[in-house]
Amino acid sequence: MATFSHSRLSSYETCPLRYKFAYIDRVKVEAEDTVETFLGSRAHEALEKLYRNLQFERLLSVDEVLAFFNREWEKNWNEAIIIVNKEYTAENYRKMGERYLKDYYKRHKPFDKGKILGLETTNTLPLDKEGKYGFYIRIDRLMDMGEGVYEVHDYKTNMSLPKQEDLDKDRQLAMYSLWVREQFQDFKKVRLVWHFLAFDKEMESFRTKKQLEDLRKDVLDEIQEIEATEKFPANVTRLCFWCLYRGMCPEWKHEVELEDKPENEYLQDPGVKLVDEYVKTKNELENHKRDAEAKLEKLKDALIAFCEKEEVSVVFGSENKISVKPYESVKFPPRNSEERETLVMLLKDIGKLNEVSDLDIHALSGVLKNRKWEKHDIERLSEFGIRETKHRLSISKHEKQVFGPPYDGPSS
């Protein structure tokens, strides 16, 4: 049976290339963890220790829970663990973990609600009748609350609190509740409970039978889509800085290689030199383009003035000629102005907004030019349009005139 987990599916959804590195190529990485996931693991272990002892009728004190947490922290910590935010140290994160556990202990003591059925429970939920695909179940704490009510508890050390609507769409605990529904004959409902330790806050959600069956189908469809995938592109997001495969990703590999280089080697790196030279040249081109455009605008104004003074419409050069043709343009109020809002209201009032594609300026200009609307509507629209004369310049080659008398044939 091919077994997929919530984290495996999330990995693909976040970045297909990361999924390929982790689950297809099974690439080994030097960095073992990020400090955030390390903190999460140690907090989970401490809470598991607390509830494991409760199963043996022993209630640990908060100091005993913290002592266990700190022993596991010290035993497992190593310098390969990534701390992305350099403002903070491992000690800052350890103290955060202590606060999480103190708050949790204070809120839930004496931990006597319900019966513990499982801690860090691992199972597989079949997804199809053929038994080809399964979903990996790992429940932090499963509780029997009596009368057919069960609770699935999950501990989170996230630094952001989700919206309720996000939890109501959450896949992980919903799939766990589907497994619970199929395990117990007295089942009536499952309460999904998230403990957001950083905020000392508990949030919950429920699912109907239909919602769970729809979810099962959606998960199976996604798994089959992943198995049929041949291309696994990188998806660049802010999460890249926490990715353990960043050093081999084509989007970040070069930067990671540069991080450990001293400044003299960094500046001599061929990639750095190429980028710097490219950007410098591109900036020079942009500056030259701006200067040329400003000069061109001045020359255009001079040509228009020449035509008006000399009463001509075509001006000749040594090899080219320029035709200067005036045309009328209508200018309407700019976006985010009071006049623009009034114009929109007018068009809605006369039922014409859709005809000008929700205020397409070219369409509006065409209305004034062709005058297809009712005279009264045209007059109201004209109040918003400022007519101005512009000029269109066209360049073309010209044949030089060979001066001399016309040829009349041979003389008699």
Protein backbone atom coordinates (compact mmCIF):
# COMPACT_ATOMS: atom_id res chain seq x y z
CA MET A 1 0.00 0.00 0.00
CA ALA A 2 1.34 3.43 -0.99
CA THR A 3 0.98 5.56 2.14
CA PHE A 4 0.82 9.35 2.05
CA SER A 5 0.81 11.70 5.03
CA HIS A 6 -0.50 15.22 5.51
CA SER A 7 3.06 16.57 5.62
CA ARG A 8 3.92 14.72 2.40
CA LEU A 9 0.94 16.21 0.56
CA SER A 10 1.67 19.65 2.02
CA SER A 11 5.25 19.37 0.80
CA TYR A 12 4.04 18.86 -2.78
CA GLU A 13 1.53 21.69 -2.50
CA THR A 14 4.18 24.06 -1.14
CA CYS A 15 6.92 23.15 -3.61
CA PRO A 16 6.90 20.20 -6.06
CA LEU A 17 10.71 20.22 -6.26
CA ARG A 18 11.02 19.95 -2.49
CA TYR A 19 8.64 16.99 -2.64
CA LYS A 20 10.82 15.33 -5.26
CA PHE A 21 13.99 15.82 -3.20
CA ALA A 22 12.37 14.44 -0.04
CA TYR A 23 10.07 11.64 -1.22
CA ILE A 24 11.26 10.51 -4.65
CA ASP A 25 15.03 11.11 -4.66
CA ARG A 26 15.22 10.78 -0.85
CA VAL A 27 18.14 13.18 -0.75
CA LYS A 28 20.10 13.31 2.50
CA VAL A 29 20.79 16.81 3.79
CA GLU A 30 23.44 18.18 6.12
CA ALA A 31 21.01 20.36 8.07
CA GLU A 32 18.83 18.13 10.22
CA ASP A 33 16.13 20.59 11.19
CA THR A 34 15.07 24.19 11.64
CA VAL A 35 14.86 25.64 15.13
CA GLU A 36 11.08 26.02 14.76
CA THR A 37 10.50 22.32 14.06
CA PHE A 38 13.09 21.39 16.71
CA LEU A 39 11.13 23.42 19.26
CA GLY A 40 7.90 21.77 18.14
CA SER A 41 9.38 18.28 18.56
CA ARG A 42 10.65 18.97 22.08
CA ALA A 43 7.30 20.48 23.17
CA HIS A 44 5.44 17.43 21.78
CA GLU A 45 7.78 15.10 23.68
CA ALA A 46 7.25 16.97 26.94
CA LEU A 47 3.46 16.85 26.64
CA GLU A 48 3.58 13.18 25.67
CA LYS A 49 5.66 12.58 28.82
CA LEU A 50 3.06 14.40 30.91
CA TYR A 51 0.12 12.37 29.59
CA ARG A 52 2.06 9.08 29.53
CA ASN A 53 2.61 9.42 33.27
CA LEU A 54 -1.08 10.22 33.77
CA GLN A 55 -1.90 6.83 32.25
CA PHE A 56 0.06 5.34 35.18
CA GLU A 57 -1.81 7.53 37.69
CA ARG A 58 1.13 9.88 38.19
CA LEU A 59 0.75 13.62 37.72
CA LEU A 60 4.08 15.29 36.98
CA SER A 61 4.65 18.74 38.43
CA VAL A 62 5.24 21.60 36.04
CA ASP A 63 8.90 21.65 37.15
CA GLU A 64 9.26 17.98 36.22
CA VAL A 65 7.77 18.65 32.77
CA LEU A 66 10.16 21.57 32.22
CA ALA A 67 13.13 19.53 33.43
CA PHE A 68 12.31 16.80 30.91
CA PHE A 69 11.91 19.39 28.14
CA ASN A 70 15.30 20.94 28.91
CA ARG A 71 17.09 17.58 29.10
CA GLU A 72 15.72 16.60 25.68
CA TRP A 73 16.62 20.02 24.29
CA GLU A 74 20.22 19.78 25.45
CA LYS A 75 20.57 16.14 24.36
CA ASN A 76 19.29 16.71 20.82
CA TRP A 77 20.55 20.20 20.00
CA ASN A 78 23.37 20.48 17.44
CA GLU A 79 24.88 23.27 15.37
CA ALA A 80 23.45 21.90 12.10
CA ILE A 81 19.99 23.09 13.13
CA ILE A 82 19.01 26.13 11.07
CA ILE A 83 18.11 29.44 12.73
CA VAL A 84 16.79 31.63 9.93
CA ASN A 85 16.10 34.74 12.00
CA LYS A 86 19.59 35.70 13.19
CA GLU A 87 18.19 38.20 15.70
CA TYR A 88 17.43 35.30 18.02
CA THR A 89 19.46 32.47 19.50
CA ALA A 90 18.66 28.89 20.41
CA GLU A 91 18.28 30.08 24.00
CA ASN A 92 15.46 32.43 22.97
CA TYR A 93 13.59 29.52 21.42
CA ARG A 94 14.23 27.28 24.44
CA LYS A 95 12.73 29.89 26.77
CA MET A 96 9.74 30.19 24.44
CA GLY A 97 9.21 26.45 24.80
CA GLU A 98 9.29 26.73 28.59
CA ARG A 99 6.63 29.44 28.47
CA TYR A 100 4.42 27.34 26.19
CA LEU A 101 4.54 24.40 28.60
CA LYS A 102 3.94 26.53 31.71
CA ASP A 103 0.88 28.14 30.12
CA TYR A 104 -0.49 24.80 28.94
CA TYR A 105 0.02 23.19 32.33
CA LYS A 106 -1.72 26.04 34.15
CA ARG A 107 -4.69 26.00 31.77
CA HIS A 108 -5.36 22.23 31.80
CA LYS A 109 -4.34 21.02 35.28
CA PRO A 110 -5.39 18.54 36.73
CA PHE A 111 -5.79 16.91 33.28
CA ASP A 112 -8.75 14.80 34.38
CA LYS A 113 -11.19 15.29 31.48
CA GLY A 114 -11.83 12.18 29.41
CA LYS A 115 -9.94 8.93 29.01
CA ILE A 116 -6.64 8.74 27.13
CA LEU A 117 -6.88 6.23 24.26
CA GLY A 118 -3.58 6.96 22.58
CA LEU A 119 -0.53 9.18 22.54
CA GLU A 120 1.41 9.75 19.32
CA THR A 121 -0.91 7.09 17.84
CA THR A 122 0.25 5.74 14.48
CA ASN A 123 -2.04 3.94 12.04
CA THR A 124 -3.00 3.85 8.38
CA LEU A 125 -6.37 4.84 6.97
CA PRO A 126 -7.26 2.99 3.71
CA LEU A 127 -8.38 5.42 1.01
CA ASP A 128 -9.72 3.06 -1.66
CA LYS A 129 -11.55 -0.26 -1.76
CA GLU A 130 -8.65 -1.96 -3.53
CA GLY A 131 -6.28 -1.07 -0.67
CA LYS A 132 -3.79 0.55 -3.03
CA TYR A 133 -3.52 3.84 -1.16
CA GLY A 134 -3.46 4.75 2.51
CA PHE A 135 -3.20 7.87 4.66
CA TYR A 136 -0.73 7.96 7.54
CA ILE A 137 -2.37 8.69 10.90
CA ARG A 138 -0.33 10.15 13.76
CA ILE A 139 -2.50 11.61 16.51
CA ASP A 140 -0.78 13.60 19.28
CA ARG A 141 -3.50 12.65 21.76
CA LEU A 142 -6.73 10.69 21.24
CA MET A 143 -9.40 11.01 23.96
CA ASP A 144 -12.64 9.19 24.74
CA MET A 145 -15.00 11.77 26.28
CA GLY A 146 -17.85 9.28 26.81
CA GLU A 147 -21.22 8.72 25.14
CA GLY A 148 -19.67 8.24 21.70
CA VAL A 149 -17.75 11.53 21.68
CA TYR A 150 -14.05 11.44 20.81
CA GLU A 151 -11.41 14.16 20.65
CA VAL A 152 -8.36 14.43 18.44
CA HIS A 153 -5.81 16.80 20.01
CA ASP A 154 -2.93 18.43 18.15
CA TYR A 155 -0.18 20.68 19.56
CA LYS A 156 1.03 23.56 17.41
CA THR A 157 3.97 25.90 18.06
CA ASN A 158 3.15 28.16 15.09
CA MET A 159 3.94 31.85 15.50
CA SER A 160 0.71 32.79 13.74
CA LEU A 161 -2.87 32.04 14.70
CA PRO A 162 -5.13 30.69 11.92
CA LYS A 163 -8.65 31.87 11.19
CA GLN A 164 -11.53 29.59 12.16
CA GLU A 165 -12.46 29.19 8.49
CA ASP A 166 -8.99 27.77 7.83
CA LEU A 167 -9.37 25.20 10.61
CA ASP A 168 -12.78 24.23 9.25
CA LYS A 169 -10.99 23.33 5.99
CA ASP A 170 -7.97 21.69 7.64
CA ARG A 171 -7.09 18.34 6.11
CA GLN A 172 -4.82 16.79 8.73
CA LEU A 173 -7.10 16.45 11.74
CA ALA A 174 -10.13 15.87 9.52
CA MET A 175 -8.47 12.78 8.04
CA TYR A 176 -7.60 11.64 11.56
CA SER A 177 -11.27 12.00 12.54
CA LEU A 178 -12.25 9.86 9.55
CA TRP A 179 -10.02 7.12 10.94
CA VAL A 180 -11.61 7.54 14.41
CA ARG A 181 -15.11 7.32 12.90
CA GLU A 182 -14.25 3.94 11.40
CA GLN A 183 -12.64 2.53 14.57
CA PHE A 184 -15.36 2.80 17.23
CA GLN A 185 -18.85 1.31 17.02
CA ASP A 186 -20.31 3.76 19.58
CA PHE A 187 -19.06 6.71 17.54
CA LYS A 188 -21.28 9.80 17.44
CA LYS A 189 -18.89 12.64 16.70
CA VAL A 190 -15.27 13.74 16.82
CA ARG A 191 -14.14 17.05 18.24
CA LEU A 192 -10.98 18.30 16.52
CA VAL A 193 -8.87 20.33 18.96
CA TRP A 194 -5.81 22.46 18.21
CA HIS A 195 -3.63 23.76 21.04
CA PHE A 196 -1.76 26.82 19.79
CA LEU A 197 0.90 26.87 22.48
CA ALA A 198 2.46 30.21 21.53
CA PHE A 199 -0.86 31.93 22.22
CA ASP A 200 -2.12 29.72 25.06
CA LYS A 201 -5.24 29.27 22.96
CA GLU A 202 -7.45 26.27 22.14
CA MET A 203 -9.51 26.12 18.92
CA GLU A 204 -11.82 23.42 17.62
CA SER A 205 -13.76 22.19 14.58
CA PHE A 206 -16.15 19.39 13.54
CA ARG A 207 -16.81 17.53 10.28
CA THR A 208 -19.93 15.83 8.94
CA LYS A 209 -19.84 12.33 7.45
CA LYS A 210 -20.34 13.76 3.96
CA GLN A 211 -17.54 16.29 4.42
CA LEU A 212 -15.19 13.50 5.43
CA GLU A 213 -16.10 11.26 2.50
CA ASP A 214 -15.64 14.18 0.11
CA LEU A 215 -12.26 14.83 1.73
CA ARG A 216 -11.25 11.18 1.32
CA LYS A 217 -12.01 11.44 -2.40
CA ASP A 218 -10.12 14.74 -2.73
CA VAL A 219 -7.06 13.27 -1.02
CA LEU A 220 -7.14 10.19 -3.25
CA ASP A 221 -7.45 12.38 -6.36
CA GLU A 222 -4.48 14.48 -5.27
CA ILE A 223 -2.33 11.42 -4.60
CA GLN A 224 -3.10 10.02 -8.06
CA GLU A 225 -2.31 13.42 -9.58
CA ILE A 226 1.06 13.48 -7.80
CA GLU A 227 1.89 9.95 -8.97
CA ALA A 228 1.16 10.96 -12.57
CA THR A 229 3.33 14.09 -12.34
CA GLU A 230 6.53 14.11 -14.37
CA LYS A 231 7.73 17.66 -13.76
CA PHE A 232 8.49 19.02 -10.31
CA PRO A 233 9.24 22.76 -10.60
CA ALA A 234 10.51 24.86 -7.72
CA ASN A 235 8.00 27.22 -6.15
CA VAL A 236 9.71 30.27 -4.62
CA THR A 237 8.04 31.58 -1.45
CA ARG A 238 9.17 33.00 1.89
CA LEU A 239 9.18 29.40 3.16
CA CYS A 240 12.29 28.75 1.07
CA PHE A 241 14.46 30.16 3.88
CA TRP A 242 13.35 27.28 6.12
CA CYS A 243 13.78 24.59 3.46
CA LEU A 244 16.39 21.91 4.19
CA TYR A 245 16.99 21.45 0.44
CA ARG A 246 17.74 25.12 -0.28
CA GLY A 247 21.42 24.37 -0.95
CA MET A 248 20.59 22.13 -3.92
CA CYS A 249 17.62 24.05 -5.32
CA PRO A 250 18.43 25.81 -8.64
CA GLU A 251 16.64 28.91 -7.34
CA TRP A 252 18.95 29.27 -4.32
CA LYS A 253 21.99 27.04 -4.85
CA HIS A 254 24.27 29.85 -6.01
CA GLU A 255 23.37 32.11 -3.07
CA VAL A 256 24.04 29.32 -0.59
CA GLU A 257 27.46 28.74 -2.21
CA LEU A 258 28.25 32.44 -1.79
CA GLU A 259 27.24 32.63 1.87
CA ASP A 260 30.46 31.08 3.19
CA LYS A 261 32.84 32.88 0.84
CA PRO A 262 35.01 35.74 2.17
CA GLU A 263 34.46 39.11 0.49
CA ASN A 264 37.48 38.90 -1.83
CA GLU A 265 36.34 35.51 -3.20
CA TYR A 266 32.70 36.60 -3.28
CA LEU A 267 33.41 39.55 -5.57
CA GLN A 268 35.50 37.36 -7.88
CA ASP A 269 32.81 34.75 -8.28
CA PRO A 270 31.99 34.52 -12.02
CA GLY A 271 28.25 34.53 -11.36
CA VAL A 272 28.46 37.66 -9.20
CA LYS A 273 30.58 39.41 -11.84
CA LEU A 274 28.17 38.49 -14.61
CA VAL A 275 25.12 39.72 -12.69
CA ASP A 276 26.81 42.98 -11.67
CA GLU A 277 27.96 43.69 -15.24
CA TYR A 278 24.55 42.82 -16.70
CA VAL A 279 22.70 45.10 -14.27
CA LYS A 280 25.22 47.91 -14.85
CA THR A 281 24.82 47.65 -18.64
CA LYS A 282 21.04 47.45 -18.39
CA ASN A 283 20.95 50.57 -16.21
CA GLU A 284 23.16 52.39 -18.70
CA LEU A 285 20.77 51.39 -21.48
CA GLU A 286 17.76 52.60 -19.49
CA ASN A 287 19.46 55.92 -18.75
CA HIS A 288 20.36 56.36 -22.41
CA LYS A 289 16.79 55.48 -23.40
CA ARG A 290 15.35 58.10 -21.04
CA ASP A 291 17.74 60.75 -22.41
CA ALA A 292 16.89 59.78 -26.00
CA GLU A 293 13.15 59.87 -25.31
CA ALA A 294 13.42 63.35 -23.77
CA LYS A 295 15.43 64.57 -26.79
CA LEU A 296 12.91 62.96 -29.17
CA GLU A 297 10.03 64.75 -27.44
CA LYS A 298 11.78 68.11 -27.87
CA LEU A 299 12.41 67.38 -31.55
CA LYS A 300 8.75 66.43 -32.00
CA ASP A 301 7.63 69.74 -30.48
CA ALA A 302 10.08 71.58 -32.75
CA LEU A 303 8.75 69.79 -35.86
CA ILE A 304 5.13 70.62 -34.94
CA ALA A 305 6.09 74.27 -34.41
CA PHE A 306 7.96 74.30 -37.76
CA CYS A 307 4.90 72.95 -39.58
CA GLU A 308 2.61 75.56 -38.03
CA LYS A 309 5.01 78.40 -38.82
CA GLU A 310 5.76 77.34 -42.40
CA GLU A 311 2.21 76.09 -43.06
CA VAL A 312 3.39 72.66 -44.20
CA SER A 313 2.38 69.14 -43.17
CA VAL A 314 5.43 67.24 -44.43
CA VAL A 315 9.03 68.12 -43.58
CA PHE A 316 11.90 66.73 -45.68
CA GLY A 317 15.32 65.62 -44.51
CA SER A 318 18.33 64.42 -46.49
CA GLU A 319 16.92 60.87 -46.91
CA ASN A 320 13.67 60.76 -44.96
CA LYS A 321 10.54 62.80 -44.64
CA ILE A 322 8.23 63.20 -41.68
CA SER A 323 4.50 63.65 -42.01
CA VAL A 324 2.95 65.64 -39.17
CA LYS A 325 -0.80 65.04 -38.89
CA PRO A 326 -3.01 66.55 -36.17
CA TYR A 327 -5.82 64.52 -34.57
CA GLU A 328 -8.32 65.16 -31.83
CA SER A 329 -8.06 63.31 -28.52
CA VAL A 330 -10.48 63.26 -25.61
CA LYS A 331 -9.05 63.13 -22.09
CA PHE A 332 -11.24 61.82 -19.24
CA PRO A 333 -10.77 62.22 -15.47
CA PRO A 334 -7.96 60.10 -13.99
CA ARG A 335 -8.53 57.06 -11.79
CA ASN A 336 -9.18 57.55 -8.06
CA SER A 337 -10.50 61.08 -8.61
CA GLU A 338 -13.90 62.44 -7.58
CA GLU A 339 -14.64 63.35 -11.22
CA ARG A 340 -13.95 59.75 -12.28
CA GLU A 341 -16.38 58.41 -9.68
CA THR A 342 -19.04 60.88 -10.87
CA LEU A 343 -18.48 59.73 -14.46
CA VAL A 344 -18.92 56.08 -13.45
CA MET A 345 -22.16 56.94 -11.68
CA LEU A 346 -23.39 58.76 -14.81
CA LEU A 347 -22.67 55.77 -17.03
CA LYS A 348 -24.45 53.46 -14.59
CA ASP A 349 -27.39 55.86 -14.44
CA ILE A 350 -27.88 55.86 -18.20
CA GLY A 351 -27.22 52.12 -18.45
CA LYS A 352 -24.13 52.45 -20.61
CA LEU A 353 -21.26 51.30 -18.34
CA ASN A 354 -21.17 47.78 -19.83
CA GLU A 355 -21.05 49.20 -23.36
CA VAL A 356 -17.73 50.88 -22.60
CA SER A 357 -16.27 47.78 -20.91
CA ASP A 358 -16.44 49.18 -17.38
CA LEU A 359 -14.97 52.52 -18.41
CA ASP A 360 -12.60 51.74 -21.27
CA ILE A 361 -11.26 55.18 -22.22
CA HIS A 362 -10.86 54.25 -25.90
CA ALA A 363 -14.46 53.06 -26.00
CA LEU A 364 -15.63 56.32 -24.44
CA SER A 365 -13.67 58.35 -26.96
CA GLY A 366 -15.27 56.32 -29.75
CA VAL A 367 -18.72 57.15 -28.40
CA LEU A 368 -18.03 60.88 -28.59
CA LYS A 369 -16.52 60.53 -32.06
CA ASN A 370 -19.26 58.38 -33.63
CA ARG A 371 -22.13 59.92 -31.62
CA LYS A 372 -24.20 56.71 -31.61
CA TRP A 373 -25.85 57.34 -28.24
CA GLU A 374 -28.83 59.58 -27.62
CA LYS A 375 -28.02 63.27 -28.02
CA HIS A 376 -28.82 63.98 -24.37
CA ASP A 377 -26.43 61.20 -23.15
CA ILE A 378 -23.69 62.43 -25.49
CA GLU A 379 -24.03 65.95 -24.09
CA ARG A 380 -23.78 64.69 -20.48
CA LEU A 381 -20.74 62.56 -21.37
CA SER A 382 -19.09 65.51 -23.16
CA GLU A 383 -18.99 67.43 -19.88
CA PHE A 384 -16.34 65.01 -18.61
CA GLY A 385 -14.18 64.87 -21.75
CA ILE A 386 -11.46 67.45 -22.35
CA ARG A 387 -10.73 67.70 -26.05
CA GLU A 388 -7.14 68.34 -27.06
CA THR A 389 -5.23 68.31 -30.30
CA LYS A 390 -2.33 65.90 -30.62
CA HIS A 391 -0.01 65.11 -33.51
CA ARG A 392 1.03 61.85 -35.09
CA LEU A 393 4.46 61.76 -36.76
CA SER A 394 5.16 59.23 -39.52
CA ILE A 395 8.63 58.64 -40.98
CA SER A 396 9.15 57.43 -44.53
CA LYS A 397 11.86 57.46 -47.19
CA HIS A 398 11.68 60.01 -49.98
CA GLU A 399 13.17 59.93 -53.46
CA LYS A 400 15.46 62.86 -54.13
CA GLN A 401 14.30 65.08 -57.01
CA VAL A 402 16.76 65.28 -59.92
CA PHE A 403 16.42 68.90 -60.94
CA GLY A 404 16.35 69.96 -64.68
CA PRO A 405 13.79 70.64 -67.43
CA PRO A 406 11.33 67.85 -68.25
CA TYR A 407 12.29 65.69 -71.26
CA ASP A 408 10.10 66.50 -74.28
CA GLY A 409 11.68 64.11 -76.77
CA PRO A 410 14.30 64.78 -79.44
CA SER A 411 14.45 68.26 -80.99
CA SER A 412 13.45 68.62 -84.61
